[in-house]
C-alpha cells in the first residue's frame, strides 16, 4: 500500500495566521508529548512513522508549500509538486502517474488522505484494514467513515448497508452538509461522517485517466497539467461510482479547520506575548507579533495576530471570517523558506506609480539565498545581524552588521550566512512581485563558480 497525503488550501478560516504559503497544517499551535509546539503536518507524520507507514508515504502539494514541508519535517519526504492548483482530481491523477512511472504495480492499493486529520494513532492502523477489505470486497473504492458524535452541519454523511459478518459496509449515498434535523435522522439510520480518506487500486485510476485521455507518464502529465479539469475527486469519481465500500471508525476524529475547533485542542490559552485575565473564560490569544496583547473580561473569543492582520472574533462566529477578508488579503507578509524567513514591514504604492516594499529577512547559518537577478526592481540591503558573504555582479565581499549594499536592476547577487543573519531589504520599482526573480543557481559552490566565471567575462 502507498499513501498519498494531500497538502493544499490557503486556510482562510484560520486567518490571519494562515495564508497561501502557510496553510493551517503548518501552524505550530499543538503540543507534543514533550511539551514542544508542533504543527498538524508534524503530528500526522510522526503518527504515520509510529505505525510503520512513513516509508510508504508521499505528499502531494503546491510550489508555495514545498519550503514549509521541508522545514517542518526535516526529512527526505518524497514530494509531488503540482505545477498549479487544479483541485483534488488532478492532484491525485498526478500522484498516480508519479507512482506508476516509478515502478509501482497496478495491483497496489493507493490510499489518499488529507495531510491534517486530528486523530489517534489507531486511525492510521485502519488504513491497513482498508487495504484488506478492498481486496476482499472487490470494490473499486474503499472509505473510512467516522461514527458521528453529534448532528453536525459541517460534515458530509455516508449512508450505507451493513453486510453481515464483514468489517465493511456497502455505500449507498453521499449527503453533503445537511441541516441539523436531517443530520439527526441520518445518525439514527447509522450514517457515517465522510473522513475524506479513500483507497483504490492504482489500475482503477489509471483506467479512468485512459478514458479521459490523461497521460499516465509523469513527465508528460506535468507538461499537460494545465489542461486538466478543475474538479474534486469526490465529484468526478467518488459520487459517480456504484461499487464503493466503507469501514466504520469509532475513535477520536476532528477537523481543525476553524478557530473554534482548533482552540479546543490547544493546551494553552496564550501563545506569544500577552496576557489573558482570569475573568476571561474560554478565550484564546495566538500572537505572532512582538507587541503584547492584553485581554480582560472577554469570554468565548479568539484573538489572533500576525504580520498579515489581527482577528478578534466570537469563537462560534469565527468560521465566517473567510467571508470578510477577501477585500484586504494581499501577498503573504510572513513566510518560512528553506533558508530562513521574511516579514514584510511595509508596502507603499505611490500615486506616481512606483512602489516601495520593506522586508526583514532572516537567513540561517550555513544557508544562502539563490544567485538571482530582478528585471523590475532595485534593492538596498542593510545588514543588522550576523556575518556572511555577499556576491554582487561577480565580486565576493565579507559582510557584517552596519554594511549596506545597493543592488541595481539586473544585477546578479546572492548571500550566504556564516552566522545567523538578519537583513533589512528595501525594494523599489514599478511592479514589486515575488515572480520578478530570475534564479541562476541555488547551490553555493556552483554560485561561486558562476560568479567567478561572470567576473572574467
Protein backbone atom coordinates (compact mmCIF):
# COMPACT_ATOMS: atom_id res chain seq x y z
CA UNK A 1 0.00 0.00 0.00
CA UNK A 2 1.13 3.51 -0.87
CA UNK A 3 -0.20 6.57 0.94
CA UNK A 4 -0.70 9.99 -0.63
CA UNK A 5 -1.13 12.97 1.70
CA UNK A 6 -2.87 15.92 0.05
CA UNK A 7 -1.43 19.21 1.28
CA UNK A 8 -3.16 22.23 -0.16
CA UNK A 9 -5.53 25.08 0.57
CA UNK A 10 -4.95 28.56 1.90
CA UNK A 11 -6.84 28.09 5.16
CA UNK A 12 -8.72 31.40 5.10
CA UNK A 13 -10.87 30.27 8.04
CA UNK A 14 -7.70 30.45 10.17
CA UNK A 15 -6.77 33.93 9.00
CA UNK A 16 -4.58 35.85 9.84
CA UNK A 17 -2.09 33.09 10.71
CA UNK A 18 -2.78 31.05 7.59
CA UNK A 19 -2.15 32.24 4.06
CA UNK A 20 -1.36 30.81 0.64
CA UNK A 21 2.17 29.79 1.66
CA UNK A 22 1.43 28.85 5.28
CA UNK A 23 -1.81 26.87 5.39
CA UNK A 24 -3.42 25.61 8.58
CA UNK A 25 -1.40 22.37 8.58
CA UNK A 26 1.82 24.34 9.20
CA UNK A 27 0.68 26.39 12.22
CA UNK A 28 2.60 25.35 15.33
CA UNK A 29 -0.24 25.58 17.82
CA UNK A 30 -0.46 21.95 19.02
CA UNK A 31 1.69 20.39 21.75
CA UNK A 32 3.51 17.05 21.61
CA UNK A 33 4.28 14.61 24.44
CA UNK A 34 7.45 16.57 25.32
CA UNK A 35 5.66 19.89 25.53
CA UNK A 36 7.04 21.19 22.23
CA UNK A 37 4.88 23.23 19.87
CA UNK A 38 4.17 21.30 16.69
CA UNK A 39 2.01 21.69 13.59
CA UNK A 40 -0.69 19.37 12.28
CA UNK A 41 1.55 18.08 9.49
CA UNK A 42 4.29 17.27 12.02
CA UNK A 43 1.76 15.42 14.19
CA UNK A 44 0.41 13.35 11.31
CA UNK A 45 3.88 12.49 10.01
CA UNK A 46 5.02 11.28 13.45
CA UNK A 47 1.86 9.16 13.75
CA UNK A 48 2.42 7.56 10.35
CA UNK A 49 6.01 6.80 11.36
CA UNK A 50 4.86 5.20 14.63
CA UNK A 51 2.58 2.77 12.77
CA UNK A 52 5.34 1.99 10.23
CA UNK A 53 3.69 3.74 7.29
CA UNK A 54 6.06 6.68 6.87
CA UNK A 55 8.30 4.91 4.35
CA UNK A 56 5.32 4.28 2.06
CA UNK A 57 4.01 7.86 2.16
CA UNK A 58 4.37 10.69 -0.34
CA UNK A 59 2.99 14.22 -0.15
CA UNK A 60 1.20 16.00 -2.99
CA UNK A 61 1.45 19.76 -2.67
CA UNK A 62 1.80 23.09 -4.46
CA UNK A 63 5.01 25.01 -5.11
CA UNK A 64 4.21 27.55 -2.41
CA UNK A 65 4.21 24.88 0.35
CA UNK A 66 7.41 22.99 -0.53
CA UNK A 67 9.70 25.00 1.74
CA UNK A 68 7.30 24.74 4.70
CA UNK A 69 7.11 20.94 4.35
CA UNK A 70 10.88 20.55 4.06
CA UNK A 71 11.49 22.83 7.03
CA UNK A 72 8.96 21.20 9.34
CA UNK A 73 9.53 17.52 8.54
CA UNK A 74 13.31 17.79 8.11
CA UNK A 75 13.38 14.53 6.21
CA UNK A 76 13.71 13.44 2.63
CA UNK A 77 9.96 13.22 2.15
CA UNK A 78 9.01 12.38 -1.45
CA UNK A 79 7.05 15.33 -2.85
CA UNK A 80 4.78 15.54 -5.87
CA UNK A 81 4.69 19.24 -6.76
CA UNK A 82 1.71 20.46 -8.74
CA UNK A 83 2.68 22.99 -11.44
CA UNK A 84 -0.52 24.84 -10.50
CA UNK A 85 -3.57 24.20 -8.32
CA UNK A 86 -6.33 22.31 -10.13
CA UNK A 87 -8.28 20.61 -7.28
CA UNK A 88 -8.02 17.08 -5.91
CA UNK A 89 -8.85 15.03 -9.03
CA UNK A 90 -5.90 16.48 -10.92
CA UNK A 91 -3.59 16.18 -7.89
CA UNK A 92 -4.50 12.51 -7.43
CA UNK A 93 -4.02 11.77 -11.14
CA UNK A 94 -0.57 13.36 -10.95
CA UNK A 95 0.22 11.22 -7.89
CA UNK A 96 -0.93 8.08 -9.69
CA UNK A 97 1.25 8.94 -12.70
CA UNK A 98 4.21 9.53 -10.38
CA UNK A 99 3.78 6.15 -8.66
CA UNK A 100 3.20 4.29 -11.94
CA UNK A 101 6.22 5.93 -13.58
CA UNK A 102 8.34 4.93 -10.57
CA UNK A 103 7.54 1.24 -10.86
CA UNK A 104 4.56 0.82 -8.53
CA UNK A 105 2.49 -2.19 -9.62
CA UNK A 106 -1.03 -1.63 -10.95
CA UNK A 107 -2.36 -4.01 -8.28
CA UNK A 108 -1.03 -1.80 -5.47
CA UNK A 109 -3.55 -0.09 -3.18
CA UNK A 110 -3.31 3.70 -3.13
CA UNK A 111 -4.71 5.37 -0.03
CA UNK A 112 -5.38 9.12 -0.20
CA UNK A 113 -6.00 11.29 2.86
CA UNK A 114 -5.77 14.91 3.98
CA UNK A 115 -2.47 15.97 5.48
CA UNK A 116 -4.06 17.24 8.69
CA UNK A 117 -6.62 14.91 10.35
CA UNK A 118 -6.66 15.24 14.16
CA UNK A 119 -6.93 11.60 15.20
CA UNK A 120 -5.50 8.86 17.39
CA UNK A 121 -2.73 6.59 16.13
CA UNK A 122 -5.18 3.74 15.65
CA UNK A 123 -6.93 5.73 12.91
CA UNK A 124 -3.86 5.17 10.74
CA UNK A 125 -3.88 1.46 11.54
CA UNK A 126 -7.31 1.42 9.90
CA UNK A 127 -5.55 2.10 6.61
CA UNK A 128 -4.18 -1.44 6.58
CA UNK A 129 -7.67 -2.80 7.27
CA UNK A 130 -8.96 -0.68 4.39
CA UNK A 131 -6.39 -2.32 2.16
CA UNK A 132 -7.57 -5.79 3.26
CA UNK A 133 -11.30 -5.16 2.74
CA UNK A 134 -10.69 -3.55 -0.64
CA UNK A 135 -9.20 -6.87 -1.77
CA UNK A 136 -11.91 -8.97 -0.11
CA UNK A 137 -14.89 -6.94 -1.32
CA UNK A 138 -13.58 -6.41 -4.87
CA UNK A 139 -14.85 -2.83 -4.57
CA UNK A 140 -13.48 -0.02 -6.71
CA UNK A 141 -13.11 2.41 -3.81
CA UNK A 142 -12.86 1.97 -0.05
CA UNK A 143 -13.61 4.71 2.50
CA UNK A 144 -13.19 5.30 6.21
CA UNK A 145 -16.38 6.64 7.79
CA UNK A 146 -16.47 8.25 11.22
CA UNK A 147 -19.21 7.31 13.68
CA UNK A 148 -20.84 10.71 14.42
CA UNK A 149 -20.88 12.07 17.96
CA UNK A 150 -23.41 14.85 17.29
CA UNK A 151 -25.59 16.07 14.38
CA UNK A 152 -23.03 18.31 12.71
CA UNK A 153 -23.97 20.51 9.75
CA UNK A 154 -20.27 20.90 8.76
CA UNK A 155 -19.53 17.37 7.54
CA UNK A 156 -20.63 15.16 4.68
CA UNK A 157 -22.52 11.96 5.55
CA UNK A 158 -22.32 8.47 4.08
CA UNK A 159 -25.38 6.23 4.11
CA UNK A 160 -24.54 2.55 3.86
CA UNK A 161 -25.84 -1.01 4.04
CA UNK A 162 -24.45 -3.37 6.68
CA UNK A 163 -23.10 -6.65 5.33
CA UNK A 164 -23.32 -9.49 7.84
CA UNK A 165 -20.08 -10.75 9.36
CA UNK A 166 -17.99 -8.24 7.42
CA UNK A 167 -15.89 -5.29 8.58
CA UNK A 168 -17.16 -3.16 5.73
CA UNK A 169 -20.50 -1.75 4.51
CA UNK A 170 -21.86 -1.08 1.05
CA UNK A 171 -22.05 2.67 0.32
CA UNK A 172 -25.50 3.82 -0.79
CA UNK A 173 -25.41 7.62 -0.92
CA UNK A 174 -23.41 10.75 -0.05
CA UNK A 175 -25.21 13.65 1.62
CA UNK A 176 -23.25 16.88 1.86
CA UNK A 177 -23.59 19.10 4.98
CA UNK A 178 -27.26 18.51 5.87
CA UNK A 179 -29.34 20.68 8.18
CA UNK A 180 -29.29 19.56 11.83
CA UNK A 181 -32.74 17.88 11.73
CA UNK A 182 -31.73 15.76 8.72
CA UNK A 183 -28.35 15.07 10.34
CA UNK A 184 -30.15 13.67 13.39
CA UNK A 185 -32.18 11.34 11.19
CA UNK A 186 -29.07 10.21 9.33
CA UNK A 187 -27.30 9.38 12.58
CA UNK A 188 -30.29 7.33 13.76
CA UNK A 189 -30.05 5.38 10.50
CA UNK A 190 -26.38 4.60 11.16
CA UNK A 191 -24.86 7.04 8.70
CA UNK A 192 -21.19 7.97 9.00
CA UNK A 193 -19.23 11.17 8.60
CA UNK A 194 -17.06 11.27 5.50
CA UNK A 195 -13.45 11.49 6.74
CA UNK A 196 -12.01 12.37 3.33
CA UNK A 197 -9.97 9.14 3.30
CA UNK A 198 -10.33 6.77 0.36
CA UNK A 199 -8.41 3.93 -1.24
CA UNK A 200 -8.36 2.28 -4.67
CA UNK A 201 -6.16 0.07 -6.78
CA UNK A 202 -3.73 2.01 -8.94
CA UNK A 203 -5.16 0.28 -12.03
CA UNK A 204 -8.63 1.69 -11.24
CA UNK A 205 -7.47 5.28 -11.56
CA UNK A 206 -5.15 4.57 -14.49
CA UNK A 207 -8.17 3.23 -16.40
CA UNK A 208 -10.11 6.43 -15.65
CA UNK A 209 -7.15 8.50 -16.81
CA UNK A 210 -7.00 6.50 -20.04
CA UNK A 211 -10.71 7.10 -20.71
CA UNK A 212 -10.21 10.83 -20.05
CA UNK A 213 -7.12 10.93 -22.32
CA UNK A 214 -4.96 11.93 -19.35
CA UNK A 215 -1.30 10.90 -19.76
CA UNK A 216 -0.14 8.15 -17.41
CA UNK A 217 3.52 9.14 -17.76
CA UNK A 218 4.51 11.56 -15.00
CA UNK A 219 6.78 13.84 -17.06
CA UNK A 220 4.21 14.18 -19.84
CA UNK A 221 1.36 14.88 -17.40
CA UNK A 222 3.42 17.62 -15.75
CA UNK A 223 3.62 19.41 -19.10
CA UNK A 224 -0.11 19.00 -19.78
CA UNK A 225 -1.28 19.60 -16.23
CA UNK A 226 -2.93 22.95 -17.02
CA UNK A 227 -5.29 21.14 -19.43
CA UNK A 228 -6.89 19.05 -16.66
CA UNK A 229 -10.32 19.95 -15.27
CA UNK A 230 -10.53 21.89 -12.02
CA UNK A 231 -12.76 19.44 -10.18
CA UNK A 232 -12.61 17.46 -6.96
CA UNK A 233 -12.09 13.70 -6.86
CA UNK A 234 -15.36 13.42 -4.93
CA UNK A 235 -17.44 14.98 -7.72
CA UNK A 236 -15.51 13.47 -10.62
CA UNK A 237 -15.13 9.89 -9.36
CA UNK A 238 -16.40 9.05 -5.90
CA UNK A 239 -20.03 10.18 -6.17
CA UNK A 240 -20.44 8.55 -9.59
CA UNK A 241 -19.09 5.15 -8.53
CA UNK A 242 -21.59 2.41 -7.59
CA UNK A 243 -19.06 -0.08 -6.22
CA UNK A 244 -17.81 1.65 -3.08
CA UNK A 245 -17.46 0.28 0.45
CA UNK A 246 -16.81 1.96 3.80
CA UNK A 247 -15.35 0.78 7.10
CA UNK A 248 -16.59 2.49 10.29
CA UNK A 249 -14.18 4.12 12.74
CA UNK A 250 -15.40 4.91 16.26
CA UNK A 251 -12.29 6.62 17.63
CA UNK A 252 -11.48 10.29 18.08
CA UNK A 253 -11.54 12.35 14.87
CA UNK A 254 -11.80 16.07 14.37
CA UNK A 255 -11.41 18.64 11.61
CA UNK A 256 -9.31 21.52 12.98
CA UNK A 257 -10.12 23.85 10.12
CA UNK A 258 -11.64 26.69 12.15
CA UNK A 259 -10.55 28.70 15.18
CA UNK A 260 -13.32 27.32 17.38
CA UNK A 261 -12.33 23.69 16.69
CA UNK A 262 -8.59 24.33 16.76
CA UNK A 263 -8.59 26.13 20.11
CA UNK A 264 -10.41 23.15 21.67
CA UNK A 265 -7.21 21.15 21.18
CA UNK A 266 -4.76 23.83 22.33
CA UNK A 267 -3.31 23.24 25.81
CA UNK A 268 -2.52 26.91 26.48
CA UNK A 269 -4.91 29.82 26.12
CA UNK A 270 -1.98 32.15 25.36
CA UNK A 271 0.56 31.66 22.59
CA UNK A 272 3.02 34.52 22.18
CA UNK A 273 3.38 37.82 24.02
CA UNK A 274 0.45 38.97 26.14
CA UNK A 275 -1.91 38.14 28.98
CA UNK A 276 -5.39 36.66 29.31
CA UNK A 277 -7.08 37.61 32.58
CA UNK A 278 -8.72 35.07 34.87
CA UNK A 279 -12.01 36.86 34.20
CA UNK A 280 -11.79 35.82 30.53
CA UNK A 281 -13.32 32.37 30.09
CA UNK A 282 -12.77 30.10 27.08
CA UNK A 283 -10.75 32.81 25.35
CA UNK A 284 -7.55 32.17 23.40
CA UNK A 285 -4.82 34.52 22.20
CA UNK A 286 -2.41 33.47 19.44
CA UNK A 287 0.08 36.29 18.92
CA UNK A 288 2.97 36.21 16.43
CA UNK A 289 3.74 39.90 16.78
CA UNK A 290 6.33 41.42 19.09
CA UNK A 291 3.61 43.63 20.58
CA UNK A 292 1.79 42.39 23.71
CA UNK A 293 -1.94 41.71 23.64
CA UNK A 294 -3.92 42.10 26.90
CA UNK A 295 -7.40 40.58 27.16
CA UNK A 296 -9.53 41.37 30.19
CA UNK A 297 -13.06 40.13 30.85
CA UNK A 298 -13.72 38.78 27.34
CA UNK A 299 -15.36 35.36 27.04
CA UNK A 300 -15.51 32.75 24.26
CA UNK A 301 -13.25 34.72 21.94
CA UNK A 302 -10.28 34.14 19.66
CA UNK A 303 -7.73 36.93 19.25
CA UNK A 304 -5.14 36.06 16.61
CA UNK A 305 -2.41 38.42 15.42
CA UNK A 306 0.23 38.01 12.72
CA UNK A 307 2.05 40.25 10.23
CA UNK A 308 -0.93 39.65 7.90
CA UNK A 309 -3.52 41.13 10.25
CA UNK A 310 -5.44 40.90 13.54
CA UNK A 311 -8.62 38.93 14.18
CA UNK A 312 -10.97 39.48 17.11
CA UNK A 313 -13.97 37.16 16.98
CA UNK A 314 -16.50 35.25 18.98
CA UNK A 315 -15.41 31.63 18.64
CA UNK A 316 -18.76 30.39 17.39
CA UNK A 317 -18.77 33.06 14.67
CA UNK A 318 -15.11 32.66 13.68
CA UNK A 319 -15.69 30.23 10.74
CA UNK A 320 -17.34 33.07 8.82
CA UNK A 321 -14.14 35.16 8.82
CA UNK A 322 -13.39 33.99 5.25
CA UNK A 323 -16.47 35.92 4.07
CA UNK A 324 -14.98 39.23 5.19
CA UNK A 325 -11.26 39.15 4.44
CA UNK A 326 -11.07 38.86 0.64
CA UNK A 327 -11.07 42.63 0.29
CA UNK A 328 -7.75 43.01 2.08
CA UNK A 329 -5.92 39.71 1.57
CA UNK A 330 -2.70 40.62 -0.23
CA UNK A 331 0.62 38.86 -0.72
CA UNK A 332 1.68 36.97 2.44
CA UNK A 333 3.54 39.23 4.85
CA UNK A 334 5.31 36.35 6.59
CA UNK A 335 6.83 33.23 5.05
CA UNK A 336 9.24 30.49 6.08
CA UNK A 337 11.70 29.42 3.41
CA UNK A 338 14.38 26.73 3.08
CA UNK A 339 16.99 29.33 4.02
CA UNK A 340 15.09 31.11 6.80
CA UNK A 341 12.16 33.53 6.85
CA UNK A 342 10.98 37.01 5.98
CA UNK A 343 8.47 39.54 7.32
CA UNK A 344 7.05 42.38 5.23
CA UNK A 345 7.38 45.52 7.37
CA UNK A 346 5.84 48.00 4.95
CA UNK A 347 4.48 48.13 1.40
CA UNK A 348 3.60 51.53 -0.07
CA UNK A 349 2.23 52.28 -3.54
CA UNK A 350 2.63 55.91 -4.56
CA UNK A 351 0.33 57.89 -6.88
CA UNK A 352 3.23 58.34 -9.31
CA UNK A 353 3.13 54.57 -9.88
CA UNK A 354 6.26 53.49 -8.04
CA UNK A 355 6.25 51.13 -5.06
CA UNK A 356 8.50 50.64 -2.02
CA UNK A 357 8.46 47.38 -0.07
CA UNK A 358 10.49 46.86 3.10
CA UNK A 359 11.28 43.39 4.43
CA UNK A 360 13.14 41.97 7.39
CA UNK A 361 14.92 38.84 6.17
CA UNK A 362 16.40 36.12 8.39
CA UNK A 363 18.98 33.70 6.97
CA UNK A 364 20.07 30.64 8.97
CA UNK A 365 23.77 29.97 9.49
CA UNK A 366 25.15 27.95 6.59
CA UNK A 367 22.19 28.74 4.31
CA UNK A 368 22.14 31.02 1.30
CA UNK A 369 19.82 32.91 -0.97
CA UNK A 370 19.96 31.83 -4.59
CA UNK A 371 22.13 33.61 -7.16
CA UNK A 372 19.48 35.74 -8.84
CA UNK A 373 18.55 38.96 -10.56
CA UNK A 374 15.46 41.17 -10.93
CA UNK A 375 14.19 42.97 -14.03
CA UNK A 376 11.70 45.35 -12.40
CA UNK A 377 13.22 46.42 -9.09
CA UNK A 378 16.35 47.57 -7.34
CA UNK A 379 17.15 46.61 -3.75
CA UNK A 380 19.00 48.06 -0.79
CA UNK A 381 20.34 45.61 1.80
CA UNK A 382 21.25 46.78 5.31
CA UNK A 383 22.96 44.10 7.40
CA UNK A 384 21.72 44.33 11.01
CA UNK A 385 22.82 40.97 12.46
CA UNK A 386 25.39 38.27 11.75
CA UNK A 387 28.22 37.75 9.30
CA UNK A 388 28.16 36.42 5.77
CA UNK A 389 29.47 36.54 2.24
CA UNK A 390 27.73 38.55 -0.47
CA UNK A 391 28.25 38.16 -4.20
CA UNK A 392 27.32 41.15 -6.32
CA UNK A 393 27.98 41.03 -10.06
CA UNK A 394 30.81 38.55 -9.61
CA UNK A 395 32.55 40.28 -6.67
CA UNK A 396 32.75 38.47 -3.31
CA UNK A 397 32.63 40.57 -0.12
CA UNK A 398 32.64 39.60 3.56
CA UNK A 399 29.81 41.41 5.31
CA UNK A 400 28.95 42.26 8.93
CA UNK A 401 26.40 44.43 10.81
CA UNK A 402 26.30 48.02 9.58
CA UNK A 403 27.18 47.21 5.97
CA UNK A 404 24.87 48.49 3.25
CA UNK A 405 24.69 47.17 -0.33
CA UNK A 406 22.88 48.74 -3.27
CA UNK A 407 21.67 46.17 -5.83
CA UNK A 408 20.64 47.80 -9.13
CA UNK A 409 18.10 46.33 -11.56
CA UNK A 410 19.53 43.30 -13.44
CA UNK A 411 22.50 42.91 -11.06
CA UNK A 412 23.31 39.30 -10.17
CA UNK A 413 23.51 38.76 -6.42
CA UNK A 414 23.46 36.17 -3.63
CA UNK A 415 24.36 35.96 0.04
CA UNK A 416 25.41 33.16 2.40
CA UNK A 417 25.15 33.39 6.18
CA UNK A 418 28.22 32.38 8.19
CA UNK A 419 26.27 33.01 11.40
CA UNK A 420 22.53 33.64 11.72
CA UNK A 421 21.89 36.83 9.80
CA UNK A 422 19.15 39.46 9.61
CA UNK A 423 18.84 41.97 6.78
CA UNK A 424 16.53 44.89 6.16
CA UNK A 425 15.72 44.79 2.45
CA UNK A 426 14.14 47.78 0.70
CA UNK A 427 12.74 47.07 -2.77
CA UNK A 428 11.98 49.95 -5.15
CA UNK A 429 10.27 49.66 -8.53
CA UNK A 430 7.05 49.93 -10.52
CA UNK A 431 5.85 46.34 -10.06
CA UNK A 432 7.01 44.59 -6.90
CA UNK A 433 6.01 40.94 -7.18
CA UNK A 434 7.60 37.71 -5.95
CA UNK A 435 7.64 36.42 -9.54
CA UNK A 436 10.24 39.03 -10.53
CA UNK A 437 13.10 36.67 -9.79
CA UNK A 438 15.42 35.05 -12.34
CA UNK A 439 17.22 32.31 -10.40
CA UNK A 440 20.57 31.34 -11.83
CA UNK A 441 21.80 28.83 -9.24
CA UNK A 442 20.88 27.61 -5.73
CA UNK A 443 23.93 25.58 -4.73
CA UNK A 444 26.56 27.82 -3.11
CA UNK A 445 29.59 26.06 -4.62
CA UNK A 446 28.04 26.41 -8.06
CA UNK A 447 27.20 30.04 -7.29
CA UNK A 448 30.88 30.69 -6.52
CA UNK A 449 31.90 29.10 -9.84
CA UNK A 450 29.21 31.06 -11.73
CA UNK A 451 30.21 34.36 -10.15
CA UNK A 452 33.92 33.82 -10.89
CA UNK A 453 33.10 32.98 -14.50
CA UNK A 454 30.85 36.05 -14.75
CA UNK A 455 33.60 38.33 -13.38
CA UNK A 456 36.01 37.06 -16.06
CA UNK A 457 33.70 37.89 -18.97
